[in-house]
Amino acid sequence: MEVLLLYFLIINVLEFIIAGYDKFLARKQKRRIPENTLFFIAFIGGTIGLLTAMLLFRHKTAKTSFIVKFAGIILIQIVVIYLKFSHKI
């Protein structure tokens, strides 16, 4: 269990840093981090890190397509967690 918590801590901190760096690049009008990279890290457990970065840095909050895709990832994670804890997986 401790390994899993450490994993989630690391992946969320990583996602937060990458999203913050992407916001920095956006302000400097430089080449950006691909959205698929942000989505992949969120999908493998970095959801809280990305959500925190979005709220704190106001990053990608006006981009509807990004929010819809991110909400889809959250929905998938909720379903997987529900099925896991209801012993259907």
N, C-alpha and C. Protein backbone atom coordinates (compact mmCIF):
# COMPACT_ATOMS: atom_id res chain seq x y z
N MET A 1 0.82 -1.20 0.00
CA MET A 1 0.00 0.00 0.00
C MET A 1 0.86 1.26 0.00
N GLU A 2 1.97 1.22 0.75
CA GLU A 2 2.86 2.38 0.80
C GLU A 2 3.47 2.67 -0.56
N VAL A 3 3.78 1.62 -1.31
CA VAL A 3 4.35 1.79 -2.64
C VAL A 3 3.33 2.48 -3.56
N LEU A 4 2.07 2.09 -3.46
CA LEU A 4 1.02 2.69 -4.27
C LEU A 4 0.84 4.17 -3.93
N LEU A 5 0.87 4.50 -2.65
CA LEU A 5 0.75 5.90 -2.24
C LEU A 5 1.94 6.72 -2.72
N LEU A 6 3.13 6.15 -2.64
CA LEU A 6 4.32 6.82 -3.12
C LEU A 6 4.24 7.04 -4.63
N TYR A 7 3.75 6.04 -5.35
CA TYR A 7 3.56 6.17 -6.80
C TYR A 7 2.63 7.34 -7.12
N PHE A 8 1.48 7.38 -6.45
CA PHE A 8 0.51 8.46 -6.73
C PHE A 8 1.07 9.83 -6.35
N LEU A 9 1.83 9.90 -5.29
CA LEU A 9 2.46 11.16 -4.90
C LEU A 9 3.42 11.62 -6.01
N ILE A 10 4.28 10.72 -6.45
CA ILE A 10 5.27 11.07 -7.48
C ILE A 10 4.59 11.44 -8.80
N ILE A 11 3.63 10.66 -9.24
CA ILE A 11 3.00 10.91 -10.54
C ILE A 11 2.20 12.21 -10.52
N ASN A 12 1.60 12.54 -9.38
CA ASN A 12 0.84 13.79 -9.29
C ASN A 12 1.75 15.01 -9.20
N VAL A 13 2.85 14.89 -8.49
CA VAL A 13 3.81 15.99 -8.44
C VAL A 13 4.40 16.20 -9.84
N LEU A 14 4.74 15.12 -10.52
CA LEU A 14 5.26 15.21 -11.88
C LEU A 14 4.27 15.89 -12.81
N GLU A 15 3.02 15.47 -12.75
CA GLU A 15 1.97 16.07 -13.60
C GLU A 15 1.81 17.55 -13.30
N PHE A 16 1.82 17.91 -12.04
CA PHE A 16 1.69 19.31 -11.63
C PHE A 16 2.84 20.14 -12.21
N ILE A 17 4.05 19.63 -12.09
CA ILE A 17 5.23 20.35 -12.59
C ILE A 17 5.17 20.48 -14.12
N ILE A 18 4.81 19.42 -14.80
CA ILE A 18 4.75 19.46 -16.27
C ILE A 18 3.68 20.43 -16.74
N ALA A 19 2.52 20.42 -16.09
CA ALA A 19 1.45 21.34 -16.47
C ALA A 19 1.85 22.79 -16.18
N GLY A 20 2.52 23.01 -15.06
CA GLY A 20 3.01 24.35 -14.75
C GLY A 20 4.05 24.81 -15.76
N TYR A 21 4.94 23.90 -16.15
CA TYR A 21 5.94 24.23 -17.15
C TYR A 21 5.29 24.53 -18.50
N ASP A 22 4.24 23.79 -18.83
CA ASP A 22 3.51 24.05 -20.08
C ASP A 22 2.90 25.44 -20.05
N LYS A 23 2.37 25.84 -18.92
CA LYS A 23 1.81 27.19 -18.78
C LYS A 23 2.92 28.24 -18.96
N PHE A 24 4.09 27.98 -18.38
CA PHE A 24 5.24 28.87 -18.55
C PHE A 24 5.61 29.00 -20.03
N LEU A 25 5.66 27.86 -20.73
CA LEU A 25 5.97 27.87 -22.16
C LEU A 25 4.91 28.63 -22.95
N ALA A 26 3.66 28.49 -22.56
CA ALA A 26 2.57 29.19 -23.25
C ALA A 26 2.74 30.70 -23.11
N ARG A 27 3.09 31.15 -21.93
CA ARG A 27 3.29 32.59 -21.71
C ARG A 27 4.47 33.13 -22.52
N LYS A 28 5.49 32.31 -22.71
CA LYS A 28 6.68 32.71 -23.46
C LYS A 28 6.52 32.46 -24.97
N GLN A 29 5.34 31.93 -25.35
CA GLN A 29 5.04 31.59 -26.74
C GLN A 29 6.10 30.65 -27.34
N LYS A 30 6.43 29.63 -26.56
CA LYS A 30 7.40 28.62 -26.97
C LYS A 30 6.67 27.33 -27.33
N ARG A 31 7.43 26.37 -27.84
CA ARG A 31 6.87 25.05 -28.16
C ARG A 31 6.34 24.41 -26.88
N ARG A 32 5.13 23.86 -26.95
CA ARG A 32 4.40 23.40 -25.77
C ARG A 32 4.52 21.90 -25.54
N ILE A 33 4.11 21.48 -24.36
CA ILE A 33 3.99 20.06 -24.02
C ILE A 33 2.72 19.56 -24.73
N PRO A 34 2.79 18.46 -25.46
CA PRO A 34 1.58 17.94 -26.14
C PRO A 34 0.47 17.60 -25.13
N GLU A 35 -0.75 17.91 -25.51
CA GLU A 35 -1.88 17.60 -24.64
C GLU A 35 -1.95 16.11 -24.34
N ASN A 36 -1.62 15.29 -25.32
CA ASN A 36 -1.66 13.84 -25.10
C ASN A 36 -0.72 13.41 -23.98
N THR A 37 0.38 14.12 -23.81
CA THR A 37 1.30 13.82 -22.70
C THR A 37 0.62 14.14 -21.38
N LEU A 38 -0.03 15.30 -21.31
CA LEU A 38 -0.75 15.67 -20.09
C LEU A 38 -1.86 14.67 -19.79
N PHE A 39 -2.60 14.27 -20.83
CA PHE A 39 -3.68 13.31 -20.64
C PHE A 39 -3.15 11.94 -20.21
N PHE A 40 -2.06 11.49 -20.81
CA PHE A 40 -1.52 10.18 -20.47
C PHE A 40 -1.10 10.14 -19.00
N ILE A 41 -0.39 11.16 -18.56
CA ILE A 41 0.06 11.18 -17.16
C ILE A 41 -1.15 11.26 -16.23
N ALA A 42 -2.16 12.02 -16.61
CA ALA A 42 -3.38 12.07 -15.80
C ALA A 42 -4.04 10.70 -15.76
N PHE A 43 -4.09 10.03 -16.90
CA PHE A 43 -4.75 8.73 -16.98
C PHE A 43 -4.07 7.69 -16.10
N ILE A 44 -2.75 7.74 -16.00
CA ILE A 44 -2.04 6.73 -15.21
C ILE A 44 -1.93 7.14 -13.73
N GLY A 45 -2.70 8.15 -13.33
CA GLY A 45 -2.77 8.48 -11.91
C GLY A 45 -2.51 9.92 -11.54
N GLY A 46 -2.21 10.77 -12.51
CA GLY A 46 -1.88 12.15 -12.20
C GLY A 46 -3.05 13.12 -12.26
N THR A 47 -4.25 12.62 -12.10
CA THR A 47 -5.44 13.45 -12.22
C THR A 47 -5.45 14.61 -11.23
N ILE A 48 -5.13 14.34 -9.99
CA ILE A 48 -5.16 15.39 -8.97
C ILE A 48 -4.10 16.45 -9.26
N GLY A 49 -2.94 16.02 -9.72
CA GLY A 49 -1.88 16.96 -10.07
C GLY A 49 -2.29 17.88 -11.20
N LEU A 50 -2.93 17.33 -12.23
CA LEU A 50 -3.36 18.14 -13.36
C LEU A 50 -4.49 19.07 -12.94
N LEU A 51 -5.44 18.57 -12.19
CA LEU A 51 -6.55 19.41 -11.74
C LEU A 51 -6.04 20.56 -10.88
N THR A 52 -5.12 20.28 -9.99
CA THR A 52 -4.54 21.32 -9.14
C THR A 52 -3.81 22.37 -9.98
N ALA A 53 -3.03 21.91 -10.95
CA ALA A 53 -2.31 22.84 -11.83
C ALA A 53 -3.28 23.69 -12.65
N MET A 54 -4.34 23.06 -13.14
CA MET A 54 -5.33 23.80 -13.92
C MET A 54 -5.94 24.93 -13.08
N LEU A 55 -6.27 24.62 -11.85
CA LEU A 55 -6.91 25.62 -10.99
C LEU A 55 -5.91 26.68 -10.51
N LEU A 56 -4.74 26.25 -10.12
CA LEU A 56 -3.75 27.17 -9.57
C LEU A 56 -3.16 28.09 -10.64
N PHE A 57 -2.84 27.52 -11.80
CA PHE A 57 -2.20 28.30 -12.87
C PHE A 57 -3.20 28.83 -13.89
N ARG A 58 -4.49 28.49 -13.70
CA ARG A 58 -5.53 28.82 -14.69
C ARG A 58 -5.09 28.35 -16.07
N HIS A 59 -4.67 27.10 -16.10
CA HIS A 59 -4.13 26.51 -17.32
C HIS A 59 -5.13 25.57 -17.97
N LYS A 60 -5.42 25.83 -19.22
CA LYS A 60 -6.34 25.02 -20.04
C LYS A 60 -7.78 25.10 -19.55
N THR A 61 -8.10 26.04 -18.69
CA THR A 61 -9.45 26.12 -18.13
C THR A 61 -10.45 26.73 -19.11
N ALA A 62 -9.98 27.43 -20.13
CA ALA A 62 -10.89 28.03 -21.11
C ALA A 62 -11.02 27.16 -22.36
N LYS A 63 -10.29 26.08 -22.41
CA LYS A 63 -10.29 25.22 -23.59
C LYS A 63 -11.27 24.07 -23.36
N THR A 64 -12.45 24.20 -23.93
CA THR A 64 -13.55 23.25 -23.71
C THR A 64 -13.16 21.82 -24.09
N SER A 65 -12.49 21.65 -25.22
CA SER A 65 -12.15 20.29 -25.66
C SER A 65 -11.21 19.62 -24.66
N PHE A 66 -10.30 20.39 -24.07
CA PHE A 66 -9.39 19.83 -23.07
C PHE A 66 -10.17 19.41 -21.83
N ILE A 67 -11.08 20.25 -21.38
CA ILE A 67 -11.86 19.95 -20.19
C ILE A 67 -12.74 18.73 -20.40
N VAL A 68 -13.34 18.61 -21.58
CA VAL A 68 -14.19 17.45 -21.88
C VAL A 68 -13.38 16.16 -21.86
N LYS A 69 -12.20 16.18 -22.48
CA LYS A 69 -11.34 14.98 -22.50
C LYS A 69 -10.85 14.65 -21.09
N PHE A 70 -10.50 15.67 -20.34
CA PHE A 70 -10.04 15.46 -18.96
C PHE A 70 -11.18 14.90 -18.10
N ALA A 71 -12.38 15.41 -18.30
CA ALA A 71 -13.54 14.89 -17.57
C ALA A 71 -13.79 13.42 -17.94
N GLY A 72 -13.55 13.06 -19.20
CA GLY A 72 -13.67 11.67 -19.63
C GLY A 72 -12.68 10.77 -18.90
N ILE A 73 -11.47 11.25 -18.72
CA ILE A 73 -10.46 10.48 -17.98
C ILE A 73 -10.91 10.29 -16.54
N ILE A 74 -11.40 11.35 -15.93
CA ILE A 74 -11.88 11.26 -14.54
C ILE A 74 -13.03 10.26 -14.45
N LEU A 75 -13.95 10.31 -15.40
CA LEU A 75 -15.09 9.39 -15.40
C LEU A 75 -14.62 7.94 -15.52
N ILE A 76 -13.69 7.69 -16.41
CA ILE A 76 -13.14 6.34 -16.56
C ILE A 76 -12.51 5.87 -15.24
N GLN A 77 -11.74 6.75 -14.60
CA GLN A 77 -11.10 6.39 -13.34
C GLN A 77 -12.13 6.10 -12.25
N ILE A 78 -13.19 6.88 -12.21
CA ILE A 78 -14.24 6.65 -11.21
C ILE A 78 -14.90 5.29 -11.44
N VAL A 79 -15.19 4.96 -12.69
CA VAL A 79 -15.81 3.67 -13.02
C VAL A 79 -14.89 2.52 -12.64
N VAL A 80 -13.61 2.64 -12.97
CA VAL A 80 -12.64 1.58 -12.63
C VAL A 80 -12.54 1.40 -11.12
N ILE A 81 -12.46 2.50 -10.39
CA ILE A 81 -12.38 2.41 -8.92
C ILE A 81 -13.65 1.79 -8.36
N TYR A 82 -14.80 2.21 -8.88
CA TYR A 82 -16.07 1.63 -8.41
C TYR A 82 -16.11 0.12 -8.66
N LEU A 83 -15.74 -0.28 -9.88
CA LEU A 83 -15.77 -1.70 -10.20
C LEU A 83 -14.77 -2.49 -9.35
N LYS A 84 -13.61 -1.88 -9.11
CA LYS A 84 -12.58 -2.55 -8.29
C LYS A 84 -13.08 -2.79 -6.87
N PHE A 85 -13.68 -1.77 -6.29
CA PHE A 85 -14.12 -1.90 -4.90
C PHE A 85 -15.47 -2.62 -4.75
N SER A 86 -16.17 -2.80 -5.86
CA SER A 86 -17.39 -3.60 -5.79
C SER A 86 -17.08 -5.04 -6.22
N HIS A 87 -15.79 -5.35 -6.39
CA HIS A 87 -15.27 -6.69 -6.70
C HIS A 87 -15.79 -7.24 -8.04
N LYS A 88 -15.99 -6.36 -9.01
CA LYS A 88 -16.42 -6.80 -10.33
C LYS A 88 -15.26 -6.86 -11.32
N ILE A 89 -14.07 -6.49 -10.86
CA ILE A 89 -12.87 -6.61 -11.72
C ILE A 89 -12.01 -7.70 -11.14
